[in-house]
Amino acid sequence: MMRTWTFYVQQFTKTGFEGPCNWYRTRRLNWEQDQNIPAATQNHLPQPVLFIQAKYDGILIPKLSQGMEKAIPNLTRAEVPASHWALWHTPEQTNDTIPEVD
């Protein structure tokens, strides 16, 4: 346990914890904005989407992403060997899954 604790202290000392928490801070704002989405498009996203699954994520387990293709026809899937905080556990590998856009 101490080894795990030390790892997290080292990682968050380098980069801070503000970035990972910002998503949670905006949940209310996101929910409010989502109320303005027309009902006809709420369950359909035609844009290309890259979904990066963290293989060992105990929060968003792979089973929860099954069926996304129904709402996202242009879905591309990738997987990294990380837990919920993929960008902190495997930053290079996670970033390598994101294609460059011209």
PDB file of N, CA and C in Angstrom:
ATOM      1  N   MET A   1       0.822  -1.196   0.000  1.00  0.00           N
ATOM      2  CA  MET A   1       0.000   0.000   0.000  1.00  0.00           C
ATOM      3  C   MET A   1       0.866   1.259   0.000  1.00  0.00           C
ATOM      4  N   MET A   2       1.941   1.233   0.764  1.00  0.00           N
ATOM      5  CA  MET A   2       2.811   2.408   0.835  1.00  0.00           C
ATOM      6  C   MET A   2       3.440   2.696  -0.525  1.00  0.00           C
ATOM      7  N   ARG A   3       3.780   1.650  -1.264  1.00  0.00           N
ATOM      8  CA  ARG A   3       4.370   1.840  -2.584  1.00  0.00           C
ATOM      9  C   ARG A   3       3.370   2.533  -3.520  1.00  0.00           C
ATOM     10  N   THR A   4       2.110   2.115  -3.453  1.00  0.00           N
ATOM     11  CA  THR A   4       1.066   2.742  -4.258  1.00  0.00           C
ATOM     12  C   THR A   4       0.899   4.202  -3.864  1.00  0.00           C
ATOM     13  N   TRP A   5       0.841   4.465  -2.578  1.00  0.00           N
ATOM     14  CA  TRP A   5       0.687   5.826  -2.071  1.00  0.00           C
ATOM     15  C   TRP A   5       1.839   6.704  -2.553  1.00  0.00           C
ATOM     16  N   THR A   6       3.046   6.196  -2.456  1.00  0.00           N
ATOM     17  CA  THR A   6       4.229   6.937  -2.887  1.00  0.00           C
ATOM     18  C   THR A   6       4.144   7.268  -4.372  1.00  0.00           C
ATOM     19  N   PHE A   7       3.698   6.317  -5.180  1.00  0.00           N
ATOM     20  CA  PHE A   7       3.544   6.546  -6.621  1.00  0.00           C
ATOM     21  C   PHE A   7       2.611   7.731  -6.879  1.00  0.00           C
ATOM     22  N   TYR A   8       1.444   7.729  -6.241  1.00  0.00           N
ATOM     23  CA  TYR A   8       0.480   8.806  -6.464  1.00  0.00           C
ATOM     24  C   TYR A   8       1.004  10.147  -5.967  1.00  0.00           C
ATOM     25  N   VAL A   9       1.656  10.162  -4.843  1.00  0.00           N
ATOM     26  CA  VAL A   9       2.228  11.412  -4.329  1.00  0.00           C
ATOM     27  C   VAL A   9       3.240  11.960  -5.328  1.00  0.00           C
ATOM     28  N   GLN A  10       4.093  11.100  -5.870  1.00  0.00           N
ATOM     29  CA  GLN A  10       5.094  11.544  -6.847  1.00  0.00           C
ATOM     30  C   GLN A  10       4.431  12.087  -8.112  1.00  0.00           C
ATOM     31  N   GLN A  11       3.431  11.378  -8.617  1.00  0.00           N
ATOM     32  CA  GLN A  11       2.780  11.792  -9.853  1.00  0.00           C
ATOM     33  C   GLN A  11       2.051  13.124  -9.694  1.00  0.00           C
ATOM     34  N   PHE A  12       1.280  13.265  -8.645  1.00  0.00           N
ATOM     35  CA  PHE A  12       0.505  14.486  -8.475  1.00  0.00           C
ATOM     36  C   PHE A  12       1.349  15.651  -7.986  1.00  0.00           C
ATOM     37  N   THR A  13       2.517  15.386  -7.418  1.00  0.00           N
ATOM     38  CA  THR A  13       3.443  16.458  -7.076  1.00  0.00           C
ATOM     39  C   THR A  13       3.972  17.094  -8.359  1.00  0.00           C
ATOM     40  N   LYS A  14       4.187  16.276  -9.389  1.00  0.00           N
ATOM     41  CA  LYS A  14       4.686  16.772 -10.678  1.00  0.00           C
ATOM     42  C   LYS A  14       3.644  17.604 -11.419  1.00  0.00           C
ATOM     43  N   THR A  15       2.422  17.103 -11.481  1.00  0.00           N
ATOM     44  CA  THR A  15       1.427  17.700 -12.374  1.00  0.00           C
ATOM     45  C   THR A  15       0.261  18.366 -11.665  1.00  0.00           C
ATOM     46  N   GLY A  16       0.107  18.125 -10.393  1.00  0.00           N
ATOM     47  CA  GLY A  16      -1.028  18.689  -9.670  1.00  0.00           C
ATOM     48  C   GLY A  16      -2.282  17.857  -9.848  1.00  0.00           C
ATOM     49  N   PHE A  17      -3.301  18.218  -9.107  1.00  0.00           N
ATOM     50  CA  PHE A  17      -4.545  17.462  -9.125  1.00  0.00           C
ATOM     51  C   PHE A  17      -5.698  18.279  -9.705  1.00  0.00           C
ATOM     52  N   GLU A  18      -5.412  19.534 -10.052  1.00  0.00           N
ATOM     53  CA  GLU A  18      -6.465  20.409 -10.555  1.00  0.00           C
ATOM     54  C   GLU A  18      -7.036  19.914 -11.879  1.00  0.00           C
ATOM     55  N   GLY A  19      -6.189  19.527 -12.807  1.00  0.00           N
ATOM     56  CA  GLY A  19      -6.656  19.047 -14.110  1.00  0.00           C
ATOM     57  C   GLY A  19      -7.628  17.883 -14.011  1.00  0.00           C
ATOM     58  N   PRO A  20      -7.254  16.815 -13.305  1.00  0.00           N
ATOM     59  CA  PRO A  20      -8.176  15.680 -13.204  1.00  0.00           C
ATOM     60  C   PRO A  20      -9.500  16.029 -12.533  1.00  0.00           C
ATOM     61  N   CYS A  21      -9.492  17.011 -11.657  1.00  0.00           N
ATOM     62  CA  CYS A  21     -10.720  17.368 -10.927  1.00  0.00           C
ATOM     63  C   CYS A  21     -11.627  18.310 -11.717  1.00  0.00           C
ATOM     64  N   ASN A  22     -11.102  18.976 -12.746  1.00  0.00           N
ATOM     65  CA  ASN A  22     -11.907  19.947 -13.485  1.00  0.00           C
ATOM     66  C   ASN A  22     -13.140  19.318 -14.128  1.00  0.00           C
ATOM     67  N   TRP A  23     -13.016  18.087 -14.603  1.00  0.00           N
ATOM     68  CA  TRP A  23     -14.173  17.416 -15.200  1.00  0.00           C
ATOM     69  C   TRP A  23     -15.295  17.316 -14.178  1.00  0.00           C
ATOM     70  N   TYR A  24     -14.972  16.951 -12.968  1.00  0.00           N
ATOM     71  CA  TYR A  24     -15.984  16.817 -11.920  1.00  0.00           C
ATOM     72  C   TYR A  24     -16.546  18.175 -11.508  1.00  0.00           C
ATOM     73  N   ARG A  25     -15.720  19.197 -11.549  1.00  0.00           N
ATOM     74  CA  ARG A  25     -16.174  20.540 -11.185  1.00  0.00           C
ATOM     75  C   ARG A  25     -17.220  21.075 -12.161  1.00  0.00           C
ATOM     76  N   THR A  26     -17.171  20.638 -13.401  1.00  0.00           N
ATOM     77  CA  THR A  26     -18.086  21.168 -14.420  1.00  0.00           C
ATOM     78  C   THR A  26     -19.331  20.312 -14.617  1.00  0.00           C
ATOM     79  N   ARG A  27     -19.553  19.302 -13.804  1.00  0.00           N
ATOM     80  CA  ARG A  27     -20.698  18.404 -13.998  1.00  0.00           C
ATOM     81  C   ARG A  27     -22.025  19.158 -14.030  1.00  0.00           C
ATOM     82  N   ARG A  28     -22.237  20.079 -13.121  1.00  0.00           N
ATOM     83  CA  ARG A  28     -23.520  20.810 -13.114  1.00  0.00           C
ATOM     84  C   ARG A  28     -23.671  21.633 -14.393  1.00  0.00           C
ATOM     85  N   LEU A  29     -22.620  22.338 -14.784  1.00  0.00           N
ATOM     86  CA  LEU A  29     -22.654  23.131 -16.008  1.00  0.00           C
ATOM     87  C   LEU A  29     -22.931  22.237 -17.214  1.00  0.00           C
ATOM     88  N   ASN A  30     -22.257  21.093 -17.293  1.00  0.00           N
ATOM     89  CA  ASN A  30     -22.485  20.165 -18.403  1.00  0.00           C
ATOM     90  C   ASN A  30     -23.934  19.693 -18.429  1.00  0.00           C
ATOM     91  N   TRP A  31     -24.478  19.352 -17.266  1.00  0.00           N
ATOM     92  CA  TRP A  31     -25.860  18.886 -17.187  1.00  0.00           C
ATOM     93  C   TRP A  31     -26.811  19.977 -17.669  1.00  0.00           C
ATOM     94  N   GLU A  32     -26.574  21.216 -17.237  1.00  0.00           N
ATOM     95  CA  GLU A  32     -27.435  22.327 -17.649  1.00  0.00           C
ATOM     96  C   GLU A  32     -27.371  22.536 -19.161  1.00  0.00           C
ATOM     97  N   GLN A  33     -26.185  22.465 -19.730  1.00  0.00           N
ATOM     98  CA  GLN A  33     -26.047  22.628 -21.177  1.00  0.00           C
ATOM     99  C   GLN A  33     -26.714  21.482 -21.930  1.00  0.00           C
ATOM    100  N   ASP A  34     -26.644  20.285 -21.386  1.00  0.00           N
ATOM    101  CA  ASP A  34     -27.254  19.124 -22.040  1.00  0.00           C
ATOM    102  C   ASP A  34     -28.768  19.249 -22.141  1.00  0.00           C
ATOM    103  N   GLN A  35     -29.373  20.049 -21.288  1.00  0.00           N
ATOM    104  CA  GLN A  35     -30.828  20.212 -21.328  1.00  0.00           C
ATOM    105  C   GLN A  35     -31.282  20.929 -22.600  1.00  0.00           C
ATOM    106  N   ASN A  36     -30.357  21.610 -23.273  1.00  0.00           N
ATOM    107  CA  ASN A  36     -30.682  22.343 -24.499  1.00  0.00           C
ATOM    108  C   ASN A  36     -30.491  21.523 -25.767  1.00  0.00           C
ATOM    109  N   ILE A  37     -30.072  20.284 -25.641  1.00  0.00           N
ATOM    110  CA  ILE A  37     -29.875  19.435 -26.817  1.00  0.00           C
ATOM    111  C   ILE A  37     -31.246  18.997 -27.327  1.00  0.00           C
ATOM    112  N   PRO A  38     -31.543  19.213 -28.617  1.00  0.00           N
ATOM    113  CA  PRO A  38     -32.839  18.781 -29.146  1.00  0.00           C
ATOM    114  C   PRO A  38     -33.046  17.276 -28.938  1.00  0.00           C
ATOM    115  N   ALA A  39     -34.253  16.898 -28.569  1.00  0.00           N
ATOM    116  CA  ALA A  39     -34.562  15.497 -28.267  1.00  0.00           C
ATOM    117  C   ALA A  39     -34.207  14.569 -29.426  1.00  0.00           C
ATOM    118  N   ALA A  40     -34.382  15.032 -30.658  1.00  0.00           N
ATOM    119  CA  ALA A  40     -34.120  14.177 -31.823  1.00  0.00           C
ATOM    120  C   ALA A  40     -32.650  13.806 -31.963  1.00  0.00           C
ATOM    121  N   THR A  41     -31.759  14.604 -31.385  1.00  0.00           N
ATOM    122  CA  THR A  41     -30.330  14.323 -31.535  1.00  0.00           C
ATOM    123  C   THR A  41     -29.663  13.868 -30.242  1.00  0.00           C
ATOM    124  N   GLN A  42     -30.413  13.738 -29.165  1.00  0.00           N
ATOM    125  CA  GLN A  42     -29.811  13.405 -27.873  1.00  0.00           C
ATOM    126  C   GLN A  42     -29.095  12.062 -27.864  1.00  0.00           C
ATOM    127  N   ASN A  43     -29.574  11.112 -28.606  1.00  0.00           N
ATOM    128  CA  ASN A  43     -28.972   9.777 -28.586  1.00  0.00           C
ATOM    129  C   ASN A  43     -28.274   9.437 -29.886  1.00  0.00           C
ATOM    130  N   HIS A  44     -27.778  10.464 -30.576  1.00  0.00           N
ATOM    131  CA  HIS A  44     -27.074  10.224 -31.835  1.00  0.00           C
ATOM    132  C   HIS A  44     -25.960  11.257 -31.977  1.00  0.00           C
ATOM    133  N   LEU A  45     -24.769  10.777 -32.218  1.00  0.00           N
ATOM    134  CA  LEU A  45     -23.616  11.650 -32.389  1.00  0.00           C
ATOM    135  C   LEU A  45     -22.951  11.286 -33.714  1.00  0.00           C
ATOM    136  N   PRO A  46     -23.191  12.060 -34.770  1.00  0.00           N
ATOM    137  CA  PRO A  46     -22.666  11.694 -36.084  1.00  0.00           C
ATOM    138  C   PRO A  46     -21.171  11.985 -36.275  1.00  0.00           C
ATOM    139  N   GLN A  47     -20.591  12.838 -35.430  1.00  0.00           N
ATOM    140  CA  GLN A  47     -19.180  13.194 -35.579  1.00  0.00           C
ATOM    141  C   GLN A  47     -18.290  11.988 -35.278  1.00  0.00           C
ATOM    142  N   PRO A  48     -17.098  11.967 -35.872  1.00  0.00           N
ATOM    143  CA  PRO A  48     -16.134  10.918 -35.513  1.00  0.00           C
ATOM    144  C   PRO A  48     -15.745  11.050 -34.038  1.00  0.00           C
ATOM    145  N   VAL A  49     -15.703   9.935 -33.350  1.00  0.00           N
ATOM    146  CA  VAL A  49     -15.392   9.912 -31.923  1.00  0.00           C
ATOM    147  C   VAL A  49     -14.331   8.859 -31.653  1.00  0.00           C
ATOM    148  N   LEU A  50     -13.320   9.222 -30.882  1.00  0.00           N
ATOM    149  CA  LEU A  50     -12.320   8.263 -30.413  1.00  0.00           C
ATOM    150  C   LEU A  50     -12.603   7.989 -28.948  1.00  0.00           C
ATOM    151  N   PHE A  51     -12.843   6.736 -28.618  1.00  0.00           N
ATOM    152  CA  PHE A  51     -13.066   6.332 -27.233  1.00  0.00           C
ATOM    153  C   PHE A  51     -11.863   5.516 -26.786  1.00  0.00           C
ATOM    154  N   ILE A  52     -11.168   5.988 -25.769  1.00  0.00           N
ATOM    155  CA  ILE A  52     -10.003   5.283 -25.241  1.00  0.00           C
ATOM    156  C   ILE A  52     -10.407   4.612 -23.939  1.00  0.00           C
ATOM    157  N   GLN A  53     -10.478   3.303 -23.970  1.00  0.00           N
ATOM    158  CA  GLN A  53     -10.852   2.519 -22.790  1.00  0.00           C
ATOM    159  C   GLN A  53      -9.611   2.241 -21.954  1.00  0.00           C
ATOM    160  N   ALA A  54      -9.684   2.563 -20.688  1.00  0.00           N
ATOM    161  CA  ALA A  54      -8.629   2.182 -19.751  1.00  0.00           C
ATOM    162  C   ALA A  54      -8.956   0.760 -19.286  1.00  0.00           C
ATOM    163  N   LYS A  55      -8.136  -0.172 -19.688  1.00  0.00           N
ATOM    164  CA  LYS A  55      -8.425  -1.598 -19.493  1.00  0.00           C
ATOM    165  C   LYS A  55      -8.707  -1.972 -18.037  1.00  0.00           C
ATOM    166  N   TYR A  56      -8.039  -1.327 -17.106  1.00  0.00           N
ATOM    167  CA  TYR A  56      -8.181  -1.681 -15.691  1.00  0.00           C
ATOM    168  C   TYR A  56      -8.978  -0.642 -14.904  1.00  0.00           C
ATOM    169  N   ASP A  57      -9.818   0.105 -15.608  1.00  0.00           N
ATOM    170  CA  ASP A  57     -10.638   1.128 -14.958  1.00  0.00           C
ATOM    171  C   ASP A  57     -11.721   0.453 -14.126  1.00  0.00           C
ATOM    172  N   GLY A  58     -11.722   0.708 -12.834  1.00  0.00           N
ATOM    173  CA  GLY A  58     -12.738   0.148 -11.959  1.00  0.00           C
ATOM    174  C   GLY A  58     -14.003   0.984 -11.933  1.00  0.00           C
ATOM    175  N   ILE A  59     -13.974   2.164 -12.550  1.00  0.00           N
ATOM    176  CA  ILE A  59     -15.131   3.055 -12.590  1.00  0.00           C
ATOM    177  C   ILE A  59     -15.905   2.850 -13.895  1.00  0.00           C
ATOM    178  N   LEU A  60     -15.255   3.117 -15.015  1.00  0.00           N
ATOM    179  CA  LEU A  60     -15.877   2.887 -16.321  1.00  0.00           C
ATOM    180  C   LEU A  60     -15.381   1.535 -16.829  1.00  0.00           C
ATOM    181  N   ILE A  61     -16.001   0.490 -16.327  1.00  0.00           N
ATOM    182  CA  ILE A  61     -15.589  -0.855 -16.728  1.00  0.00           C
ATOM    183  C   ILE A  61     -15.963  -1.070 -18.194  1.00  0.00           C
ATOM    184  N   PRO A  62     -15.192  -1.890 -18.912  1.00  0.00           N
ATOM    185  CA  PRO A  62     -15.443  -2.087 -20.345  1.00  0.00           C
ATOM    186  C   PRO A  62     -16.901  -2.417 -20.682  1.00  0.00           C
ATOM    187  N   LYS A  63     -17.566  -3.151 -19.827  1.00  0.00           N
ATOM    188  CA  LYS A  63     -18.963  -3.530 -20.086  1.00  0.00           C
ATOM    189  C   LYS A  63     -19.866  -2.304 -20.259  1.00  0.00           C
ATOM    190  N   LEU A  64     -19.564  -1.209 -19.570  1.00  0.00           N
ATOM    191  CA  LEU A  64     -20.401  -0.011 -19.644  1.00  0.00           C
ATOM    192  C   LEU A  64     -20.323   0.684 -21.001  1.00  0.00           C
ATOM    193  N   SER A  65     -19.289   0.419 -21.770  1.00  0.00           N
ATOM    194  CA  SER A  65     -19.167   1.069 -23.080  1.00  0.00           C
ATOM    195  C   SER A  65     -19.726   0.204 -24.208  1.00  0.00           C
ATOM    196  N   GLN A  66     -20.231  -0.958 -23.879  1.00  0.00           N
ATOM    197  CA  GLN A  66     -20.818  -1.817 -24.910  1.00  0.00           C
ATOM    198  C   GLN A  66     -22.066  -1.154 -25.483  1.00  0.00           C
ATOM    199  N   GLY A  67     -22.213  -1.226 -26.776  1.00  0.00           N
ATOM    200  CA  GLY A  67     -23.393  -0.666 -27.429  1.00  0.00           C
ATOM    201  C   GLY A  67     -23.276   0.794 -27.816  1.00  0.00           C
ATOM    202  N   MET A  68     -22.120   1.405 -27.597  1.00  0.00           N
ATOM    203  CA  MET A  68     -21.954   2.816 -27.950  1.00  0.00           C
ATOM    204  C   MET A  68     -22.144   3.048 -29.447  1.00  0.00           C
ATOM    205  N   GLU A  69     -21.848   2.023 -30.234  1.00  0.00           N
ATOM    206  CA  GLU A  69     -21.942   2.152 -31.688  1.00  0.00           C
ATOM    207  C   GLU A  69     -23.362   2.492 -32.150  1.00  0.00           C
ATOM    208  N   LYS A  70     -24.356   2.136 -31.361  1.00  0.00           N
ATOM    209  CA  LYS A  70     -25.748   2.447 -31.728  1.00  0.00           C
ATOM    210  C   LYS A  70     -25.966   3.954 -31.807  1.00  0.00           C
ATOM    211  N   ALA A  71     -25.366   4.686 -30.910  1.00  0.00           N
ATOM    212  CA  ALA A  71     -25.535   6.140 -30.879  1.00  0.00           C
ATOM    213  C   ALA A  71     -24.396   6.874 -31.575  1.00  0.00           C
ATOM    214  N   ILE A  72     -23.276   6.180 -31.769  1.00  0.00           N
ATOM    215  CA  ILE A  72     -22.088   6.815 -32.353  1.00  0.00           C
ATOM    216  C   ILE A  72     -21.603   5.950 -33.516  1.00  0.00           C
ATOM    217  N   PRO A  73     -22.167   6.149 -34.707  1.00  0.00           N
ATOM    218  CA  PRO A  73     -21.801   5.291 -35.840  1.00  0.00           C
ATOM    219  C   PRO A  73     -20.352   5.454 -36.300  1.00  0.00           C
ATOM    220  N   ASN A  74     -19.740   6.611 -36.034  1.00  0.00           N
ATOM    221  CA  ASN A  74     -18.347   6.847 -36.434  1.00  0.00           C
ATOM    222  C   ASN A  74     -17.404   6.684 -35.250  1.00  0.00           C
ATOM    223  N   LEU A  75     -17.637   5.645 -34.464  1.00  0.00           N
ATOM    224  CA  LEU A  75     -16.843   5.395 -33.261  1.00  0.00           C
ATOM    225  C   LEU A  75     -15.588   4.597 -33.588  1.00  0.00           C
ATOM    226  N   THR A  76     -14.473   5.067 -33.065  1.00  0.00           N
ATOM    227  CA  THR A  76     -13.217   4.322 -33.111  1.00  0.00           C
ATOM    228  C   THR A  76     -12.843   4.021 -31.672  1.00  0.00           C
ATOM    229  N   ARG A  77     -12.481   2.776 -31.418  1.00  0.00           N
ATOM    230  CA  ARG A  77     -12.114   2.363 -30.061  1.00  0.00           C
ATOM    231  C   ARG A  77     -10.608   2.120 -29.973  1.00  0.00           C
ATOM    232  N   ALA A  78     -10.069   2.441 -28.812  1.00  0.00           N
ATOM    233  CA  ALA A  78      -8.675   2.131 -28.497  1.00  0.00           C
ATOM    234  C   ALA A  78      -8.651   1.703 -27.035  1.00  0.00           C
ATOM    235  N   GLU A  79      -7.588   1.035 -26.642  1.00  0.00           N
ATOM    236  CA  GLU A  79      -7.473   0.578 -25.258  1.00  0.00           C
ATOM    237  C   GLU A  79      -6.044   0.781 -24.781  1.00  0.00           C
ATOM    238  N   VAL A  80      -5.917   1.205 -23.538  1.00  0.00           N
ATOM    239  CA  VAL A  80      -4.600   1.354 -22.922  1.00  0.00           C
ATOM    240  C   VAL A  80      -4.581   0.552 -21.623  1.00  0.00           C
ATOM    241  N   PRO A  81      -3.412   0.013 -21.252  1.00  0.00           N
ATOM    242  CA  PRO A  81      -3.310  -0.783 -20.026  1.00  0.00           C
ATOM    243  C   PRO A  81      -3.175   0.112 -18.795  1.00  0.00           C
ATOM    244  N   ALA A  82      -4.273   0.739 -18.421  1.00  0.00           N
ATOM    245  CA  ALA A  82      -4.242   1.694 -17.312  1.00  0.00           C
ATOM    246  C   ALA A  82      -5.526   1.580 -16.505  1.00  0.00           C
ATOM    247  N   SER A  83      -5.521   2.277 -15.361  1.00  0.00           N
ATOM    248  CA  SER A  83      -6.736   2.360 -14.566  1.00  0.00           C
ATOM    249  C   SER A  83      -7.460   3.656 -14.935  1.00  0.00           C
ATOM    250  N   HIS A  84      -8.343   4.132 -14.079  1.00  0.00           N
ATOM    251  CA  HIS A  84      -9.191   5.286 -14.368  1.00  0.00           C
ATOM    252  C   HIS A  84      -8.395   6.529 -14.779  1.00  0.00           C
ATOM    253  N   TRP A  85      -7.227   6.709 -14.230  1.00  0.00           N
ATOM    254  CA  TRP A  85      -6.415   7.890 -14.532  1.00  0.00           C
ATOM    255  C   TRP A  85      -5.382   7.549 -15.603  1.00  0.00           C
ATOM    256  N   ALA A  86      -5.841   7.167 -16.767  1.00  0.00           N
ATOM    257  CA  ALA A  86      -4.971   6.691 -17.847  1.00  0.00           C
ATOM    258  C   ALA A  86      -3.882   7.689 -18.224  1.00  0.00           C
ATOM    259  N   LEU A  87      -4.208   8.969 -18.255  1.00  0.00           N
ATOM    260  CA  LEU A  87      -3.201   9.961 -18.639  1.00  0.00           C
ATOM    261  C   LEU A  87      -2.083  10.085 -17.622  1.00  0.00           C
ATOM    262  N   TRP A  88      -2.318   9.648 -16.408  1.00  0.00           N
ATOM    263  CA  TRP A  88      -1.269   9.681 -15.389  1.00  0.00           C
ATOM    264  C   TRP A  88      -0.537   8.350 -15.319  1.00  0.00           C
ATOM    265  N   HIS A  89      -1.233   7.256 -15.565  1.00  0.00           N
ATOM    266  CA  HIS A  89      -0.592   5.937 -15.477  1.00  0.00           C
ATOM    267  C   HIS A  89       0.216   5.602 -16.725  1.00  0.00           C
ATOM    268  N   THR A  90      -0.331   5.888 -17.877  1.00  0.00           N
ATOM    269  CA  THR A  90       0.347   5.575 -19.140  1.00  0.00           C
ATOM    270  C   THR A  90       0.229   6.770 -20.087  1.00  0.00           C
ATOM    271  N   PRO A  91       0.838   7.906 -19.736  1.00  0.00           N
ATOM    272  CA  PRO A  91       0.643   9.118 -20.541  1.00  0.00           C
ATOM    273  C   PRO A  91       1.098   8.982 -21.990  1.00  0.00           C
ATOM    274  N   GLU A  92       2.264   8.400 -22.216  1.00  0.00           N
ATOM    275  CA  GLU A  92       2.763   8.292 -23.591  1.00  0.00           C
ATOM    276  C   GLU A  92       1.888   7.366 -24.420  1.00  0.00           C
ATOM    277  N   GLN A  93       1.550   6.227 -23.860  1.00  0.00           N
ATOM    278  CA  GLN A  93       0.731   5.265 -24.593  1.00  0.00           C
ATOM    279  C   GLN A  93      -0.670   5.823 -24.862  1.00  0.00           C
ATOM    280  N   THR A  94      -1.225   6.520 -23.891  1.00  0.00           N
ATOM    281  CA  THR A  94      -2.549   7.114 -24.081  1.00  0.00           C
ATOM    282  C   THR A  94      -2.497   8.179 -25.169  1.00  0.00           C
ATOM    283  N   ASN A  95      -1.517   9.064 -25.109  1.00  0.00           N
ATOM    284  CA  ASN A  95      -1.390  10.105 -26.134  1.00  0.00           C
ATOM    285  C   ASN A  95      -1.097   9.532 -27.509  1.00  0.00           C
ATOM    286  N   ASP A  96      -0.372   8.429 -27.570  1.00  0.00           N
ATOM    287  CA  ASP A  96      -0.070   7.803 -28.859  1.00  0.00           C
ATOM    288  C   ASP A  96      -1.315   7.260 -29.549  1.00  0.00           C
ATOM    289  N   THR A  97      -2.390   7.023 -28.814  1.00  0.00           N
ATOM    290  CA  THR A  97      -3.620   6.520 -29.434  1.00  0.00           C
ATOM    291  C   THR A  97      -4.423   7.632 -30.091  1.00  0.00           C
ATOM    292  N   ILE A  98      -4.062   8.879 -29.821  1.00  0.00           N
ATOM    293  CA  ILE A  98      -4.792  10.019 -30.379  1.00  0.00           C
ATOM    294  C   ILE A  98      -4.135  10.419 -31.700  1.00  0.00           C
ATOM    295  N   PRO A  99      -4.871  10.316 -32.799  1.00  0.00           N
ATOM    296  CA  PRO A  99      -4.265  10.661 -34.090  1.00  0.00           C
ATOM    297  C   PRO A  99      -4.076  12.165 -34.232  1.00  0.00           C
ATOM    298  N   GLU A 100      -3.081  12.537 -35.008  1.00  0.00           N
ATOM    299  CA  GLU A 100      -2.874  13.957 -35.285  1.00  0.00           C
ATOM    300  C   GLU A 100      -3.919  14.417 -36.284  1.00  0.00           C
ATOM    301  N   VAL A 101      -4.415  15.627 -36.079  1.00  0.00           N
ATOM    302  CA  VAL A 101      -5.435  16.187 -36.958  1.00  0.00           C
ATOM    303  C   VAL A 101      -4.832  17.382 -37.677  1.00  0.00           C
ATOM    304  N   ASP A 102      -5.007  17.413 -38.977  1.00  0.00           N
ATOM    305  CA  ASP A 102      -4.484  18.541 -39.772  1.00  0.00           C
ATOM    306  C   ASP A 102      -5.359  19.745 -39.622  1.00  0.00           C
TER     307      ASP A 102
END
